[in-house]
Amino acid sequence: MTGIWMRCSIEAMNHPEYQESVQATGEAYENWTLKEWMLEIILREQTGDFPAKFTEQFLATG
């Protein structure tokens, strides 16, 4: 059973649509990670701290 699953998985990973999806997902991850870092830098510069959790109260005081 495992051999068939592995063959199907390998075939799927070599499919062009899968590769396009992987590329798009990676680009989206990089984009959101960059935005997260930028937000962290802005918060540290303005408040001197970076909250462990964003709450409605924290966002309302900003």
Protein backbone atom coordinates (compact mmCIF):
# COMPACT_ATOMS: atom_id res chain seq x y z
CA MET A 1 0.00 0.00 0.00
CA THR A 2 2.78 2.44 0.87
CA GLY A 3 4.54 1.85 -2.48
CA ILE A 4 1.47 2.84 -4.49
CA TRP A 5 0.94 5.94 -2.38
CA MET A 6 4.58 6.96 -2.81
CA ARG A 7 4.42 6.52 -6.59
CA CYS A 8 1.24 8.60 -6.77
CA SER A 9 2.77 11.29 -4.58
CA ILE A 10 5.93 11.49 -6.68
CA GLU A 11 3.90 11.68 -9.89
CA ALA A 12 1.73 14.44 -8.41
CA MET A 13 4.78 16.45 -7.29
CA ASN A 14 6.14 16.37 -10.84
CA HIS A 15 2.87 17.69 -12.29
CA PRO A 16 3.16 21.29 -13.65
CA GLU A 17 0.04 22.48 -11.79
CA TYR A 18 1.53 21.25 -8.51
CA GLN A 19 4.78 23.06 -9.21
CA GLU A 20 2.86 26.28 -9.99
CA SER A 21 0.94 25.93 -6.73
CA VAL A 22 4.15 25.42 -4.76
CA GLN A 23 5.68 28.51 -6.39
CA ALA A 24 2.61 30.66 -5.67
CA THR A 25 2.41 29.46 -2.08
CA GLY A 26 6.10 30.22 -1.53
CA GLU A 27 5.71 33.71 -2.97
CA ALA A 28 2.67 34.40 -0.77
CA TYR A 29 4.57 33.18 2.30
CA GLU A 30 7.52 35.45 1.51
CA ASN A 31 5.20 38.41 0.92
CA TRP A 32 3.33 38.01 4.22
CA THR A 33 6.53 37.31 6.14
CA LEU A 34 8.05 40.53 4.81
CA LYS A 35 4.94 42.46 5.88
CA GLU A 36 5.15 40.88 9.33
CA TRP A 37 8.79 41.93 9.70
CA MET A 38 8.00 45.46 8.57
CA LEU A 39 5.17 45.71 11.10
CA GLU A 40 7.44 44.40 13.84
CA ILE A 41 10.11 46.99 13.01
CA ILE A 42 7.57 49.84 12.99
CA LEU A 43 6.10 48.75 16.33
CA ARG A 44 9.50 48.42 17.96
CA GLU A 45 10.54 51.86 16.73
CA GLN A 46 7.32 53.56 17.82
CA THR A 47 6.60 51.77 21.08
CA GLY A 48 9.94 50.26 22.02
CA ASP A 49 8.27 46.87 22.36
CA PHE A 50 6.61 44.16 20.31
CA PRO A 51 3.51 42.55 21.82
CA ALA A 52 3.33 38.79 22.18
CA LYS A 53 -0.26 38.91 20.97
CA PHE A 54 -2.30 41.46 19.05
CA THR A 55 -5.58 42.13 20.81
CA GLU A 56 -8.45 44.46 19.98
CA GLN A 57 -7.41 46.59 22.96
CA PHE A 58 -3.83 46.89 21.69
CA LEU A 59 -4.99 47.83 18.20
CA ALA A 60 -7.43 50.41 19.59
CA THR A 61 -4.70 52.17 21.59
CA GLY A 62 -2.38 52.49 18.58
